Amino acid sequence: MIRTVADGVLIDILVHPRASHARIGPVHGERLKIAVTAPPVDGAANAAVIDLLSKHLDRPRRDLEIAGGAGSRQKTVHVRGMDRAAVVAALGLAPESK
């Protein structure tokens, strides 16, 4: 679910667009579930995912990008400048979450 790369981490997520409220979690299979209120139209849900993660990770939006699955509910987000332990702690995940 969270993999280390040279300049940060990759987080595998499952997006739930048009949710009643935005939230992060729980883990769904091998992906972190992220609910956003935005619809999956014109990149609105992708932007909402980046906004929500940047807020929870306390990182500027420019440090996050959709690295895979931009047109899918299953996405990979690249977070620059953070290590796996910091992401796990910031998102309140169990330390053994892969």
Protein backbone atom coordinates (compact mmCIF):
# COMPACT_ATOMS: atom_id res chain seq x y z
CA MET A 1 0.00 0.00 0.00
CA ILE A 2 2.84 2.43 0.82
CA ARG A 3 6.10 1.90 -1.04
CA THR A 4 9.36 3.78 -0.69
CA VAL A 5 10.92 5.32 -3.81
CA ALA A 6 14.06 7.42 -4.24
CA ASP A 7 12.43 10.80 -3.58
CA GLY A 8 9.49 9.85 -1.34
CA VAL A 9 6.71 7.28 -1.26
CA LEU A 10 3.95 5.86 -3.44
CA ILE A 11 0.55 5.32 -1.84
CA ASP A 12 -1.97 2.97 -3.45
CA ILE A 13 -5.48 4.34 -2.88
CA LEU A 14 -9.09 3.54 -3.70
CA VAL A 15 -11.13 6.69 -4.27
CA HIS A 16 -14.81 7.01 -3.38
CA PRO A 17 -16.05 10.12 -5.25
CA ARG A 18 -19.29 11.96 -4.42
CA ALA A 19 -19.11 10.91 -0.76
CA SER A 20 -21.17 12.75 1.83
CA HIS A 21 -17.96 14.01 3.46
CA ALA A 22 -14.22 13.74 2.82
CA ARG A 23 -12.21 11.27 4.88
CA ILE A 24 -9.18 9.02 4.78
CA GLY A 25 -9.43 5.34 5.65
CA PRO A 26 -10.03 2.58 6.32
CA VAL A 27 -7.70 0.28 4.43
CA HIS A 28 -9.62 -1.66 1.77
CA GLY A 29 -7.70 -4.74 0.66
CA GLU A 30 -4.24 -3.50 -0.34
CA ARG A 31 -5.34 0.14 -0.82
CA LEU A 32 -6.09 3.07 1.43
CA LYS A 33 -9.67 4.22 0.90
CA ILE A 34 -10.12 7.96 0.41
CA ALA A 35 -13.58 9.49 0.18
CA VAL A 36 -14.00 12.89 -1.48
CA THR A 37 -17.12 14.95 -2.11
CA ALA A 38 -16.06 15.92 -5.63
CA PRO A 39 -17.50 14.10 -8.65
CA PRO A 40 -15.23 12.07 -10.95
CA VAL A 41 -15.52 14.69 -13.72
CA ASP A 42 -12.78 16.82 -15.32
CA GLY A 43 -10.20 15.79 -12.72
CA ALA A 44 -12.22 17.19 -9.80
CA ALA A 45 -11.93 14.01 -7.73
CA ASN A 46 -8.17 13.81 -8.41
CA ALA A 47 -7.72 17.41 -7.26
CA ALA A 48 -9.79 16.70 -4.14
CA VAL A 49 -7.62 13.66 -3.32
CA ILE A 50 -4.45 15.77 -3.63
CA ASP A 51 -5.98 18.52 -1.47
CA LEU A 52 -7.07 16.10 1.25
CA LEU A 53 -3.76 14.23 1.35
CA SER A 54 -1.69 17.42 1.34
CA LYS A 55 -3.69 18.68 4.33
CA HIS A 56 -3.30 15.42 6.30
CA LEU A 57 0.38 15.01 5.40
CA ASP A 58 1.13 18.71 6.01
CA ARG A 59 2.83 18.96 2.59
CA PRO A 60 2.35 21.53 -0.17
CA ARG A 61 0.20 20.35 -3.09
CA ARG A 62 3.23 20.56 -5.39
CA ASP A 63 4.81 17.63 -3.49
CA LEU A 64 1.93 15.30 -4.40
CA GLU A 65 0.84 13.97 -7.77
CA ILE A 66 -1.33 11.24 -9.22
CA ALA A 67 1.33 8.85 -10.52
CA GLY A 68 -1.05 6.23 -11.88
CA GLY A 69 -4.74 5.59 -12.42
CA ALA A 70 -5.81 9.19 -13.07
CA GLY A 71 -8.98 7.95 -14.80
CA SER A 72 -9.69 5.12 -12.37
CA ARG A 73 -10.90 4.72 -8.80
CA GLN A 74 -7.68 2.81 -8.09
CA LYS A 75 -4.85 5.34 -8.06
CA THR A 76 -1.25 5.66 -7.00
CA VAL A 77 -0.19 8.94 -5.40
CA HIS A 78 3.45 10.00 -5.35
CA VAL A 79 4.43 12.01 -2.26
CA ARG A 80 7.83 13.69 -2.47
CA GLY A 81 9.98 14.48 0.54
CA MET A 82 8.43 12.08 3.07
CA ASP A 83 9.44 8.64 4.22
CA ARG A 84 7.12 5.72 4.82
CA ALA A 85 7.13 6.05 8.63
CA ALA A 86 6.15 9.73 8.46
CA VAL A 87 3.26 8.98 6.09
CA VAL A 88 2.00 6.10 8.25
CA ALA A 89 2.11 8.34 11.34
CA ALA A 90 0.47 11.33 9.63
CA LEU A 91 -2.39 9.22 8.30
CA GLY A 92 -2.86 7.33 11.57
CA LEU A 93 -2.28 3.93 10.00
CA ALA A 94 -1.01 0.85 11.78
CA PRO A 95 2.82 0.72 11.50
CA GLU A 96 2.69 -2.71 9.88
CA SER A 97 0.56 -1.38 6.96
CA LYS A 98 2.45 -2.17 3.80
